[in-house]
Amino acid sequence: MKILNYLIIILICINHSVKADSKKTLIDELQKGGKLIFIRHAYAPGGGDPNNFDINDCTTQRNLSDSGRVQSQKIGNFFKENKISIEKVYSSEWCRCKETASIAFKKYKTKTFLNSFF
């Protein structure tokens, strides 16, 4: 297990990362493309999901609030206004994540490997 941890650290260190020392630098780097961007879902009040949680039933999950929906729109607007092209958007199967992706980017695909293990 230690070898795997060291290997992961090495891979992280040799990957070129974007240093967000200013908004302009960040936007310039994102406009160049070739980046993997992780975004957590927008604001969904609370923590975790209820005991009766069902991945296929949004009524049993913690979902976006109205302010979370506004936040999702702002995320999408940031990419549009700064002409940052997005090739693919992947979301977990949680409703709050799918809704964030839908509002911000319109088109997305779900991937089970992004599902929470919390």
PDB file of N, CA and C in Angstrom:
ATOM      1  N   MET A   1       0.822  -1.190   0.000  1.00  0.00           N
ATOM      2  CA  MET A   1       0.000   0.000   0.000  1.00  0.00           C
ATOM      3  C   MET A   1       0.870   1.259   0.000  1.00  0.00           C
ATOM      4  N   LYS A   2       1.997   1.218   0.721  1.00  0.00           N
ATOM      5  CA  LYS A   2       2.891   2.382   0.750  1.00  0.00           C
ATOM      6  C   LYS A   2       3.417   2.704  -0.640  1.00  0.00           C
ATOM      7  N   ILE A   3       3.727   1.669  -1.403  1.00  0.00           N
ATOM      8  CA  ILE A   3       4.247   1.892  -2.750  1.00  0.00           C
ATOM      9  C   ILE A   3       3.205   2.596  -3.604  1.00  0.00           C
ATOM     10  N   LEU A   4       1.937   2.199  -3.489  1.00  0.00           N
ATOM     11  CA  LEU A   4       0.863   2.834  -4.236  1.00  0.00           C
ATOM     12  C   LEU A   4       0.731   4.305  -3.850  1.00  0.00           C
ATOM     13  N   ASN A   5       0.821   4.602  -2.560  1.00  0.00           N
ATOM     14  CA  ASN A   5       0.746   5.997  -2.101  1.00  0.00           C
ATOM     15  C   ASN A   5       1.888   6.826  -2.675  1.00  0.00           C
ATOM     16  N   TYR A   6       3.090   6.297  -2.669  1.00  0.00           N
ATOM     17  CA  TYR A   6       4.235   7.013  -3.226  1.00  0.00           C
ATOM     18  C   TYR A   6       4.068   7.222  -4.726  1.00  0.00           C
ATOM     19  N   LEU A   7       3.558   6.214  -5.408  1.00  0.00           N
ATOM     20  CA  LEU A   7       3.337   6.319  -6.838  1.00  0.00           C
ATOM     21  C   LEU A   7       2.331   7.412  -7.169  1.00  0.00           C
ATOM     22  N   ILE A   8       1.264   7.491  -6.402  1.00  0.00           N
ATOM     23  CA  ILE A   8       0.264   8.530  -6.607  1.00  0.00           C
ATOM     24  C   ILE A   8       0.874   9.909  -6.371  1.00  0.00           C
ATOM     25  N   ILE A   9       1.653  10.064  -5.326  1.00  0.00           N
ATOM     26  CA  ILE A   9       2.294  11.344  -5.035  1.00  0.00           C
ATOM     27  C   ILE A   9       3.231  11.744  -6.173  1.00  0.00           C
ATOM     28  N   ILE A  10       3.993  10.796  -6.688  1.00  0.00           N
ATOM     29  CA  ILE A  10       4.907  11.087  -7.797  1.00  0.00           C
ATOM     30  C   ILE A  10       4.127  11.535  -9.030  1.00  0.00           C
ATOM     31  N   LEU A  11       3.050  10.828  -9.353  1.00  0.00           N
ATOM     32  CA  LEU A  11       2.248  11.200 -10.513  1.00  0.00           C
ATOM     33  C   LEU A  11       1.644  12.589 -10.368  1.00  0.00           C
ATOM     34  N   ILE A  12       1.215  12.929  -9.184  1.00  0.00           N
ATOM     35  CA  ILE A  12       0.664  14.260  -8.937  1.00  0.00           C
ATOM     36  C   ILE A  12       1.748  15.320  -9.113  1.00  0.00           C
ATOM     37  N   CYS A  13       2.935  15.040  -8.627  1.00  0.00           N
ATOM     38  CA  CYS A  13       4.027  16.012  -8.689  1.00  0.00           C
ATOM     39  C   CYS A  13       4.533  16.257 -10.104  1.00  0.00           C
ATOM     40  N   ILE A  14       4.506  15.243 -10.971  1.00  0.00           N
ATOM     41  CA  ILE A  14       5.034  15.458 -12.315  1.00  0.00           C
ATOM     42  C   ILE A  14       3.992  16.043 -13.265  1.00  0.00           C
ATOM     43  N   ASN A  15       2.754  16.076 -12.849  1.00  0.00           N
ATOM     44  CA  ASN A  15       1.694  16.663 -13.679  1.00  0.00           C
ATOM     45  C   ASN A  15       1.771  18.180 -13.580  1.00  0.00           C
ATOM     46  N   HIS A  16       1.660  18.859 -14.728  1.00  0.00           N
ATOM     47  CA  HIS A  16       1.672  20.325 -14.739  1.00  0.00           C
ATOM     48  C   HIS A  16       0.347  20.828 -14.198  1.00  0.00           C
ATOM     49  N   SER A  17       0.389  21.623 -13.180  1.00  0.00           N
ATOM     50  CA  SER A  17      -0.854  22.138 -12.605  1.00  0.00           C
ATOM     51  C   SER A  17      -0.984  23.627 -12.896  1.00  0.00           C
ATOM     52  N   VAL A  18      -2.198  24.109 -12.775  1.00  0.00           N
ATOM     53  CA  VAL A  18      -2.460  25.530 -12.969  1.00  0.00           C
ATOM     54  C   VAL A  18      -2.293  26.212 -11.624  1.00  0.00           C
ATOM     55  N   LYS A  19      -1.412  27.164 -11.576  1.00  0.00           N
ATOM     56  CA  LYS A  19      -1.227  27.921 -10.348  1.00  0.00           C
ATOM     57  C   LYS A  19      -2.124  29.144 -10.433  1.00  0.00           C
ATOM     58  N   ALA A  20      -3.141  29.175  -9.589  1.00  0.00           N
ATOM     59  CA  ALA A  20      -4.140  30.242  -9.644  1.00  0.00           C
ATOM     60  C   ALA A  20      -3.670  31.451  -8.844  1.00  0.00           C
ATOM     61  N   ASP A  21      -2.566  32.090  -9.310  1.00  0.00           N
ATOM     62  CA  ASP A  21      -2.051  33.248  -8.588  1.00  0.00           C
ATOM     63  C   ASP A  21      -2.839  34.511  -8.916  1.00  0.00           C
ATOM     64  N   SER A  22      -3.620  34.468  -9.969  1.00  0.00           N
ATOM     65  CA  SER A  22      -4.506  35.579 -10.266  1.00  0.00           C
ATOM     66  C   SER A  22      -5.637  35.056 -11.128  1.00  0.00           C
ATOM     67  N   LYS A  23      -6.746  35.755 -11.125  1.00  0.00           N
ATOM     68  CA  LYS A  23      -7.894  35.331 -11.928  1.00  0.00           C
ATOM     69  C   LYS A  23      -7.516  35.311 -13.411  1.00  0.00           C
ATOM     70  N   LYS A  24      -6.759  36.293 -13.855  1.00  0.00           N
ATOM     71  CA  LYS A  24      -6.350  36.384 -15.260  1.00  0.00           C
ATOM     72  C   LYS A  24      -5.496  35.179 -15.651  1.00  0.00           C
ATOM     73  N   THR A  25      -4.555  34.814 -14.821  1.00  0.00           N
ATOM     74  CA  THR A  25      -3.698  33.665 -15.103  1.00  0.00           C
ATOM     75  C   THR A  25      -4.531  32.395 -15.177  1.00  0.00           C
ATOM     76  N   LEU A  26      -5.456  32.240 -14.273  1.00  0.00           N
ATOM     77  CA  LEU A  26      -6.314  31.067 -14.260  1.00  0.00           C
ATOM     78  C   LEU A  26      -7.142  30.998 -15.535  1.00  0.00           C
ATOM     79  N   ILE A  27      -7.770  32.082 -15.901  1.00  0.00           N
ATOM     80  CA  ILE A  27      -8.593  32.113 -17.113  1.00  0.00           C
ATOM     81  C   ILE A  27      -7.739  31.840 -18.351  1.00  0.00           C
ATOM     82  N   ASP A  28      -6.569  32.449 -18.422  1.00  0.00           N
ATOM     83  CA  ASP A  28      -5.663  32.208 -19.561  1.00  0.00           C
ATOM     84  C   ASP A  28      -5.323  30.722 -19.679  1.00  0.00           C
ATOM     85  N   GLU A  29      -5.011  30.093 -18.579  1.00  0.00           N
ATOM     86  CA  GLU A  29      -4.658  28.670 -18.580  1.00  0.00           C
ATOM     87  C   GLU A  29      -5.845  27.809 -18.991  1.00  0.00           C
ATOM     88  N   LEU A  30      -7.033  28.142 -18.488  1.00  0.00           N
ATOM     89  CA  LEU A  30      -8.224  27.367 -18.839  1.00  0.00           C
ATOM     90  C   LEU A  30      -8.585  27.535 -20.311  1.00  0.00           C
ATOM     91  N   GLN A  31      -8.364  28.712 -20.865  1.00  0.00           N
ATOM     92  CA  GLN A  31      -8.663  28.958 -22.279  1.00  0.00           C
ATOM     93  C   GLN A  31      -7.758  28.151 -23.208  1.00  0.00           C
ATOM     94  N   LYS A  32      -6.577  27.805 -22.739  1.00  0.00           N
ATOM     95  CA  LYS A  32      -5.653  27.004 -23.549  1.00  0.00           C
ATOM     96  C   LYS A  32      -6.178  25.582 -23.751  1.00  0.00           C
ATOM     97  N   GLY A  33      -7.018  25.126 -22.842  1.00  0.00           N
ATOM     98  CA  GLY A  33      -7.567  23.779 -22.943  1.00  0.00           C
ATOM     99  C   GLY A  33      -6.630  22.736 -22.368  1.00  0.00           C
ATOM    100  N   GLY A  34      -7.036  21.487 -22.514  1.00  0.00           N
ATOM    101  CA  GLY A  34      -6.211  20.382 -22.042  1.00  0.00           C
ATOM    102  C   GLY A  34      -6.207  20.212 -20.534  1.00  0.00           C
ATOM    103  N   LYS A  35      -7.174  20.767 -19.852  1.00  0.00           N
ATOM    104  CA  LYS A  35      -7.225  20.691 -18.385  1.00  0.00           C
ATOM    105  C   LYS A  35      -8.375  19.798 -17.937  1.00  0.00           C
ATOM    106  N   LEU A  36      -8.196  19.179 -16.820  1.00  0.00           N
ATOM    107  CA  LEU A  36      -9.239  18.412 -16.160  1.00  0.00           C
ATOM    108  C   LEU A  36      -9.713  19.267 -14.998  1.00  0.00           C
ATOM    109  N   ILE A  37     -10.992  19.610 -14.994  1.00  0.00           N
ATOM    110  CA  ILE A  37     -11.530  20.513 -13.982  1.00  0.00           C
ATOM    111  C   ILE A  37     -12.537  19.751 -13.129  1.00  0.00           C
ATOM    112  N   PHE A  38     -12.337  19.743 -11.826  1.00  0.00           N
ATOM    113  CA  PHE A  38     -13.286  19.118 -10.902  1.00  0.00           C
ATOM    114  C   PHE A  38     -14.125  20.203 -10.256  1.00  0.00           C
ATOM    115  N   ILE A  39     -15.430  20.030 -10.311  1.00  0.00           N
ATOM    116  CA  ILE A  39     -16.340  20.970  -9.663  1.00  0.00           C
ATOM    117  C   ILE A  39     -17.282  20.158  -8.786  1.00  0.00           C
ATOM    118  N   ARG A  40     -17.370  20.531  -7.540  1.00  0.00           N
ATOM    119  CA  ARG A  40     -18.331  19.879  -6.657  1.00  0.00           C
ATOM    120  C   ARG A  40     -19.703  20.455  -6.960  1.00  0.00           C
ATOM    121  N   HIS A  41     -20.748  19.737  -6.615  1.00  0.00           N
ATOM    122  CA  HIS A  41     -22.098  20.244  -6.868  1.00  0.00           C
ATOM    123  C   HIS A  41     -22.300  21.591  -6.197  1.00  0.00           C
ATOM    124  N   ALA A  42     -23.253  22.355  -6.720  1.00  0.00           N
ATOM    125  CA  ALA A  42     -23.591  23.656  -6.141  1.00  0.00           C
ATOM    126  C   ALA A  42     -24.273  23.438  -4.783  1.00  0.00           C
ATOM    127  N   TYR A  43     -24.666  24.537  -4.151  1.00  0.00           N
ATOM    128  CA  TYR A  43     -25.156  24.499  -2.774  1.00  0.00           C
ATOM    129  C   TYR A  43     -26.401  23.630  -2.620  1.00  0.00           C
ATOM    130  N   ALA A  44     -26.277  22.627  -1.782  1.00  0.00           N
ATOM    131  CA  ALA A  44     -27.376  21.733  -1.391  1.00  0.00           C
ATOM    132  C   ALA A  44     -27.331  21.676   0.134  1.00  0.00           C
ATOM    133  N   PRO A  45     -28.253  22.347   0.804  1.00  0.00           N
ATOM    134  CA  PRO A  45     -28.197  22.461   2.270  1.00  0.00           C
ATOM    135  C   PRO A  45     -28.132  21.110   2.977  1.00  0.00           C
ATOM    136  N   GLY A  46     -27.439  21.102   4.094  1.00  0.00           N
ATOM    137  CA  GLY A  46     -27.333  19.889   4.907  1.00  0.00           C
ATOM    138  C   GLY A  46     -26.028  19.177   4.672  1.00  0.00           C
ATOM    139  N   GLY A  47     -25.960  17.959   5.172  1.00  0.00           N
ATOM    140  CA  GLY A  47     -24.759  17.142   5.010  1.00  0.00           C
ATOM    141  C   GLY A  47     -25.158  15.688   4.886  1.00  0.00           C
ATOM    142  N   GLY A  48     -24.587  14.999   3.926  1.00  0.00           N
ATOM    143  CA  GLY A  48     -24.954  13.606   3.707  1.00  0.00           C
ATOM    144  C   GLY A  48     -26.363  13.486   3.164  1.00  0.00           C
ATOM    145  N   ASP A  49     -26.848  12.278   3.107  1.00  0.00           N
ATOM    146  CA  ASP A  49     -28.205  12.028   2.628  1.00  0.00           C
ATOM    147  C   ASP A  49     -28.995  11.303   3.710  1.00  0.00           C
ATOM    148  N   PRO A  50     -30.325  11.401   3.654  1.00  0.00           N
ATOM    149  CA  PRO A  50     -31.161  10.724   4.651  1.00  0.00           C
ATOM    150  C   PRO A  50     -30.985   9.208   4.607  1.00  0.00           C
ATOM    151  N   ASN A  51     -31.407   8.534   5.666  1.00  0.00           N
ATOM    152  CA  ASN A  51     -31.295   7.073   5.744  1.00  0.00           C
ATOM    153  C   ASN A  51     -32.062   6.364   4.637  1.00  0.00           C
ATOM    154  N   ASN A  52     -33.153   6.948   4.168  1.00  0.00           N
ATOM    155  CA  ASN A  52     -33.966   6.324   3.121  1.00  0.00           C
ATOM    156  C   ASN A  52     -33.493   6.699   1.714  1.00  0.00           C
ATOM    157  N   PHE A  53     -32.281   7.155   1.599  1.00  0.00           N
ATOM    158  CA  PHE A  53     -31.692   7.599   0.331  1.00  0.00           C
ATOM    159  C   PHE A  53     -31.812   6.516  -0.744  1.00  0.00           C
ATOM    160  N   ASP A  54     -32.222   6.940  -1.941  1.00  0.00           N
ATOM    161  CA  ASP A  54     -32.295   6.055  -3.108  1.00  0.00           C
ATOM    162  C   ASP A  54     -31.715   6.828  -4.286  1.00  0.00           C
ATOM    163  N   ILE A  55     -30.677   6.283  -4.907  1.00  0.00           N
ATOM    164  CA  ILE A  55     -29.983   6.959  -6.007  1.00  0.00           C
ATOM    165  C   ILE A  55     -30.928   7.262  -7.170  1.00  0.00           C
ATOM    166  N   ASN A  56     -32.006   6.495  -7.298  1.00  0.00           N
ATOM    167  CA  ASN A  56     -32.950   6.667  -8.404  1.00  0.00           C
ATOM    168  C   ASN A  56     -34.157   7.527  -8.053  1.00  0.00           C
ATOM    169  N   ASP A  57     -34.181   8.075  -6.844  1.00  0.00           N
ATOM    170  CA  ASP A  57     -35.330   8.869  -6.400  1.00  0.00           C
ATOM    171  C   ASP A  57     -34.832  10.172  -5.777  1.00  0.00           C
ATOM    172  N   CYS A  58     -34.959  11.244  -6.539  1.00  0.00           N
ATOM    173  CA  CYS A  58     -34.455  12.541  -6.085  1.00  0.00           C
ATOM    174  C   CYS A  58     -35.173  13.036  -4.825  1.00  0.00           C
ATOM    175  N   THR A  59     -36.398  12.593  -4.590  1.00  0.00           N
ATOM    176  CA  THR A  59     -37.130  13.053  -3.409  1.00  0.00           C
ATOM    177  C   THR A  59     -36.526  12.515  -2.117  1.00  0.00           C
ATOM    178  N   THR A  60     -35.659  11.507  -2.219  1.00  0.00           N
ATOM    179  CA  THR A  60     -35.023  10.939  -1.022  1.00  0.00           C
ATOM    180  C   THR A  60     -33.625  11.506  -0.791  1.00  0.00           C
ATOM    181  N   GLN A  61     -33.197  12.429  -1.631  1.00  0.00           N
ATOM    182  CA  GLN A  61     -31.833  12.959  -1.563  1.00  0.00           C
ATOM    183  C   GLN A  61     -31.803  14.412  -1.116  1.00  0.00           C
ATOM    184  N   ARG A  62     -30.625  14.832  -0.724  1.00  0.00           N
ATOM    185  CA  ARG A  62     -30.368  16.250  -0.460  1.00  0.00           C
ATOM    186  C   ARG A  62     -30.158  16.911  -1.812  1.00  0.00           C
ATOM    187  N   ASN A  63     -30.978  17.902  -2.131  1.00  0.00           N
ATOM    188  CA  ASN A  63     -30.967  18.512  -3.459  1.00  0.00           C
ATOM    189  C   ASN A  63     -30.543  19.976  -3.416  1.00  0.00           C
ATOM    190  N   LEU A  64     -30.326  20.539  -4.600  1.00  0.00           N
ATOM    191  CA  LEU A  64     -29.952  21.943  -4.696  1.00  0.00           C
ATOM    192  C   LEU A  64     -31.069  22.828  -4.158  1.00  0.00           C
ATOM    193  N   SER A  65     -30.661  23.889  -3.511  1.00  0.00           N
ATOM    194  CA  SER A  65     -31.609  24.924  -3.094  1.00  0.00           C
ATOM    195  C   SER A  65     -31.719  25.919  -4.244  1.00  0.00           C
ATOM    196  N   ASP A  66     -32.597  26.913  -4.093  1.00  0.00           N
ATOM    197  CA  ASP A  66     -32.690  27.952  -5.117  1.00  0.00           C
ATOM    198  C   ASP A  66     -31.356  28.665  -5.287  1.00  0.00           C
ATOM    199  N   SER A  67     -30.663  28.917  -4.178  1.00  0.00           N
ATOM    200  CA  SER A  67     -29.355  29.580  -4.294  1.00  0.00           C
ATOM    201  C   SER A  67     -28.330  28.654  -4.960  1.00  0.00           C
ATOM    202  N   GLY A  68     -28.489  27.353  -4.803  1.00  0.00           N
ATOM    203  CA  GLY A  68     -27.621  26.399  -5.491  1.00  0.00           C
ATOM    204  C   GLY A  68     -27.849  26.419  -6.996  1.00  0.00           C
ATOM    205  N   ARG A  69     -29.100  26.605  -7.386  1.00  0.00           N
ATOM    206  CA  ARG A  69     -29.412  26.700  -8.819  1.00  0.00           C
ATOM    207  C   ARG A  69     -28.823  27.983  -9.418  1.00  0.00           C
ATOM    208  N   VAL A  70     -28.910  29.068  -8.674  1.00  0.00           N
ATOM    209  CA  VAL A  70     -28.293  30.330  -9.118  1.00  0.00           C
ATOM    210  C   VAL A  70     -26.780  30.150  -9.217  1.00  0.00           C
ATOM    211  N   GLN A  71     -26.207  29.493  -8.233  1.00  0.00           N
ATOM    212  CA  GLN A  71     -24.766  29.233  -8.233  1.00  0.00           C
ATOM    213  C   GLN A  71     -24.377  28.393  -9.457  1.00  0.00           C
ATOM    214  N   SER A  72     -25.188  27.402  -9.796  1.00  0.00           N
ATOM    215  CA  SER A  72     -24.923  26.565 -10.974  1.00  0.00           C
ATOM    216  C   SER A  72     -24.922  27.405 -12.245  1.00  0.00           C
ATOM    217  N   GLN A  73     -25.870  28.306 -12.341  1.00  0.00           N
ATOM    218  CA  GLN A  73     -25.945  29.191 -13.513  1.00  0.00           C
ATOM    219  C   GLN A  73     -24.695  30.069 -13.598  1.00  0.00           C
ATOM    220  N   LYS A  74     -24.235  30.555 -12.452  1.00  0.00           N
ATOM    221  CA  LYS A  74     -23.026  31.387 -12.423  1.00  0.00           C
ATOM    222  C   LYS A  74     -21.800  30.591 -12.857  1.00  0.00           C
ATOM    223  N   ILE A  75     -21.749  29.326 -12.505  1.00  0.00           N
ATOM    224  CA  ILE A  75     -20.635  28.470 -12.932  1.00  0.00           C
ATOM    225  C   ILE A  75     -20.620  28.383 -14.449  1.00  0.00           C
ATOM    226  N   GLY A  76     -21.781  28.081 -15.027  1.00  0.00           N
ATOM    227  CA  GLY A  76     -21.883  28.001 -16.483  1.00  0.00           C
ATOM    228  C   GLY A  76     -21.545  29.317 -17.151  1.00  0.00           C
ATOM    229  N   ASN A  77     -22.036  30.415 -16.589  1.00  0.00           N
ATOM    230  CA  ASN A  77     -21.764  31.739 -17.149  1.00  0.00           C
ATOM    231  C   ASN A  77     -20.275  32.066 -17.132  1.00  0.00           C
ATOM    232  N   PHE A  78     -19.581  31.665 -16.077  1.00  0.00           N
ATOM    233  CA  PHE A  78     -18.142  31.901 -15.984  1.00  0.00           C
ATOM    234  C   PHE A  78     -17.421  31.296 -17.188  1.00  0.00           C
ATOM    235  N   PHE A  79     -17.751  30.065 -17.529  1.00  0.00           N
ATOM    236  CA  PHE A  79     -17.105  29.398 -18.651  1.00  0.00           C
ATOM    237  C   PHE A  79     -17.490  30.053 -19.976  1.00  0.00           C
ATOM    238  N   LYS A  80     -18.762  30.409 -20.139  1.00  0.00           N
ATOM    239  CA  LYS A  80     -19.216  31.055 -21.382  1.00  0.00           C
ATOM    240  C   LYS A  80     -18.593  32.440 -21.548  1.00  0.00           C
ATOM    241  N   GLU A  81     -18.678  33.266 -20.516  1.00  0.00           N
ATOM    242  CA  GLU A  81     -18.177  34.646 -20.588  1.00  0.00           C
ATOM    243  C   GLU A  81     -16.686  34.704 -20.836  1.00  0.00           C
ATOM    244  N   ASN A  82     -15.953  33.698 -20.367  1.00  0.00           N
ATOM    245  CA  ASN A  82     -14.502  33.683 -20.525  1.00  0.00           C
ATOM    246  C   ASN A  82     -14.053  32.813 -21.702  1.00  0.00           C
ATOM    247  N   LYS A  83     -15.026  32.375 -22.502  1.00  0.00           N
ATOM    248  CA  LYS A  83     -14.743  31.589 -23.698  1.00  0.00           C
ATOM    249  C   LYS A  83     -13.836  30.391 -23.400  1.00  0.00           C
ATOM    250  N   ILE A  84     -14.203  29.683 -22.347  1.00  0.00           N
ATOM    251  CA  ILE A  84     -13.485  28.468 -21.956  1.00  0.00           C
ATOM    252  C   ILE A  84     -14.300  27.297 -22.488  1.00  0.00           C
ATOM    253  N   SER A  85     -13.743  26.606 -23.485  1.00  0.00           N
ATOM    254  CA  SER A  85     -14.507  25.510 -24.083  1.00  0.00           C
ATOM    255  C   SER A  85     -14.451  24.271 -23.189  1.00  0.00           C
ATOM    256  N   ILE A  86     -15.564  23.585 -23.163  1.00  0.00           N
ATOM    257  CA  ILE A  86     -15.695  22.375 -22.362  1.00  0.00           C
ATOM    258  C   ILE A  86     -15.985  21.232 -23.324  1.00  0.00           C
ATOM    259  N   GLU A  87     -15.114  20.253 -23.353  1.00  0.00           N
ATOM    260  CA  GLU A  87     -15.284  19.133 -24.273  1.00  0.00           C
ATOM    261  C   GLU A  87     -16.292  18.119 -23.739  1.00  0.00           C
ATOM    262  N   LYS A  88     -16.149  17.734 -22.491  1.00  0.00           N
ATOM    263  CA  LYS A  88     -17.023  16.725 -21.897  1.00  0.00           C
ATOM    264  C   LYS A  88     -17.329  17.115 -20.460  1.00  0.00           C
ATOM    265  N   VAL A  89     -18.531  16.783 -20.026  1.00  0.00           N
ATOM    266  CA  VAL A  89     -18.926  16.983 -18.631  1.00  0.00           C
ATOM    267  C   VAL A  89     -19.441  15.653 -18.112  1.00  0.00           C
ATOM    268  N   TYR A  90     -18.870  15.221 -16.998  1.00  0.00           N
ATOM    269  CA  TYR A  90     -19.306  14.000 -16.336  1.00  0.00           C
ATOM    270  C   TYR A  90     -19.824  14.350 -14.955  1.00  0.00           C
ATOM    271  N   SER A  91     -20.853  13.632 -14.528  1.00  0.00           N
ATOM    272  CA  SER A  91     -21.447  13.847 -13.219  1.00  0.00           C
ATOM    273  C   SER A  91     -21.630  12.502 -12.533  1.00  0.00           C
ATOM    274  N   SER A  92     -21.659  12.535 -11.204  1.00  0.00           N
ATOM    275  CA  SER A  92     -22.081  11.340 -10.487  1.00  0.00           C
ATOM    276  C   SER A  92     -23.580  11.168 -10.710  1.00  0.00           C
ATOM    277  N   GLU A  93     -24.158  10.145 -10.143  1.00  0.00           N
ATOM    278  CA  GLU A  93     -25.583   9.878 -10.328  1.00  0.00           C
ATOM    279  C   GLU A  93     -26.463  10.581  -9.291  1.00  0.00           C
ATOM    280  N   TRP A  94     -25.852  11.312  -8.360  1.00  0.00           N
ATOM    281  CA  TRP A  94     -26.622  12.045  -7.360  1.00  0.00           C
ATOM    282  C   TRP A  94     -27.386  13.177  -8.052  1.00  0.00           C
ATOM    283  N   CYS A  95     -28.622  13.375  -7.652  1.00  0.00           N
ATOM    284  CA  CYS A  95     -29.481  14.382  -8.296  1.00  0.00           C
ATOM    285  C   CYS A  95     -28.895  15.787  -8.203  1.00  0.00           C
ATOM    286  N   ARG A  96     -28.300  16.148  -7.088  1.00  0.00           N
ATOM    287  CA  ARG A  96     -27.734  17.494  -6.937  1.00  0.00           C
ATOM    288  C   ARG A  96     -26.566  17.717  -7.889  1.00  0.00           C
ATOM    289  N   CYS A  97     -25.836  16.653  -8.170  1.00  0.00           N
ATOM    290  CA  CYS A  97     -24.707  16.752  -9.107  1.00  0.00           C
ATOM    291  C   CYS A  97     -25.202  16.842 -10.542  1.00  0.00           C
ATOM    292  N   LYS A  98     -26.186  16.026 -10.871  1.00  0.00           N
ATOM    293  CA  LYS A  98     -26.756  16.065 -12.224  1.00  0.00           C
ATOM    294  C   LYS A  98     -27.421  17.413 -12.493  1.00  0.00           C
ATOM    295  N   GLU A  99     -28.107  17.951 -11.488  1.00  0.00           N
ATOM    296  CA  GLU A  99     -28.765  19.242 -11.682  1.00  0.00           C
ATOM    297  C   GLU A  99     -27.741  20.360 -11.852  1.00  0.00           C
ATOM    298  N   THR A 100     -26.667  20.316 -11.087  1.00  0.00           N
ATOM    299  CA  THR A 100     -25.596  21.306 -11.243  1.00  0.00           C
ATOM    300  C   THR A 100     -25.035  21.248 -12.664  1.00  0.00           C
ATOM    301  N   ALA A 101     -24.729  20.048 -13.134  1.00  0.00           N
ATOM    302  CA  ALA A 101     -24.175  19.875 -14.483  1.00  0.00           C
ATOM    303  C   ALA A 101     -25.160  20.331 -15.546  1.00  0.00           C
ATOM    304  N   SER A 102     -26.416  20.006 -15.362  1.00  0.00           N
ATOM    305  CA  SER A 102     -27.450  20.368 -16.336  1.00  0.00           C
ATOM    306  C   SER A 102     -27.627  21.880 -16.445  1.00  0.00           C
ATOM    307  N   ILE A 103     -27.689  22.546 -15.313  1.00  0.00           N
ATOM    308  CA  ILE A 103     -27.874  24.001 -15.321  1.00  0.00           C
ATOM    309  C   ILE A 103     -26.624  24.700 -15.861  1.00  0.00           C
ATOM    310  N   ALA A 104     -25.457  24.270 -15.416  1.00  0.00           N
ATOM    311  CA  ALA A 104     -24.208  24.951 -15.790  1.00  0.00           C
ATOM    312  C   ALA A 104     -23.786  24.660 -17.230  1.00  0.00           C
ATOM    313  N   PHE A 105     -23.918  23.412 -17.648  1.00  0.00           N
ATOM    314  CA  PHE A 105     -23.327  23.015 -18.929  1.00  0.00           C
ATOM    315  C   PHE A 105     -24.308  22.388 -19.916  1.00  0.00           C
ATOM    316  N   LYS A 106     -25.523  22.177 -19.504  1.00  0.00           N
ATOM    317  CA  LYS A 106     -26.592  21.575 -20.321  1.00  0.00           C
ATOM    318  C   LYS A 106     -26.355  20.092 -20.581  1.00  0.00           C
ATOM    319  N   LYS A 107     -25.330  19.738 -21.347  1.00  0.00           N
ATOM    320  CA  LYS A 107     -25.084  18.340 -21.698  1.00  0.00           C
ATOM    321  C   LYS A 107     -24.056  17.721 -20.755  1.00  0.00           C
ATOM    322  N   TYR A 108     -24.369  16.519 -20.292  1.00  0.00           N
ATOM    323  CA  TYR A 108     -23.458  15.793 -19.409  1.00  0.00           C
ATOM    324  C   TYR A 108     -23.793  14.314 -19.470  1.00  0.00           C
ATOM    325  N   LYS A 109     -22.885  13.507 -19.000  1.00  0.00           N
ATOM    326  CA  LYS A 109     -23.115  12.065 -18.876  1.00  0.00           C
ATOM    327  C   LYS A 109     -22.819  11.686 -17.430  1.00  0.00           C
ATOM    328  N   THR A 110     -23.549  10.721 -16.918  1.00  0.00           N
ATOM    329  CA  THR A 110     -23.266  10.238 -15.568  1.00  0.00           C
ATOM    330  C   THR A 110     -22.249   9.099 -15.638  1.00  0.00           C
ATOM    331  N   LYS A 111     -21.435   9.043 -14.607  1.00  0.00           N
ATOM    332  CA  LYS A 111     -20.434   7.987 -14.474  1.00  0.00           C
ATOM    333  C   LYS A 111     -20.487   7.477 -13.033  1.00  0.00           C
ATOM    334  N   THR A 112     -20.680   6.188 -12.870  1.00  0.00           N
ATOM    335  CA  THR A 112     -20.798   5.621 -11.525  1.00  0.00           C
ATOM    336  C   THR A 112     -19.512   5.780 -10.717  1.00  0.00           C
ATOM    337  N   PHE A 113     -18.353   5.827 -11.375  1.00  0.00           N
ATOM    338  CA  PHE A 113     -17.100   5.953 -10.623  1.00  0.00           C
ATOM    339  C   PHE A 113     -16.995   7.297  -9.895  1.00  0.00           C
ATOM    340  N   LEU A 114     -17.867   8.259 -10.256  1.00  0.00           N
ATOM    341  CA  LEU A 114     -17.877   9.546  -9.565  1.00  0.00           C
ATOM    342  C   LEU A 114     -18.817   9.551  -8.362  1.00  0.00           C
ATOM    343  N   ASN A 115     -19.571   8.482  -8.168  1.00  0.00           N
ATOM    344  CA  ASN A 115     -20.497   8.426  -7.040  1.00  0.00           C
ATOM    345  C   ASN A 115     -19.755   8.465  -5.715  1.00  0.00           C
ATOM    346  N   SER A 116     -20.404   9.073  -4.752  1.00  0.00           N
ATOM    347  CA  SER A 116     -19.832   9.190  -3.414  1.00  0.00           C
ATOM    348  C   SER A 116     -19.772   7.821  -2.737  1.00  0.00           C
ATOM    349  N   PHE A 117     -18.793   7.646  -1.898  1.00  0.00           N
ATOM    350  CA  PHE A 117     -18.722   6.440  -1.087  1.00  0.00           C
ATOM    351  C   PHE A 117     -18.918   6.803   0.387  1.00  0.00           C
ATOM    352  N   PHE A 118     -19.422   8.017   0.636  1.00  0.00           N
ATOM    353  CA  PHE A 118     -19.644   8.548   1.983  1.00  0.00           C
ATOM    354  C   PHE A 118     -20.747   7.786   2.670  1.00  0.00           C
TER     355      PHE A 118
END
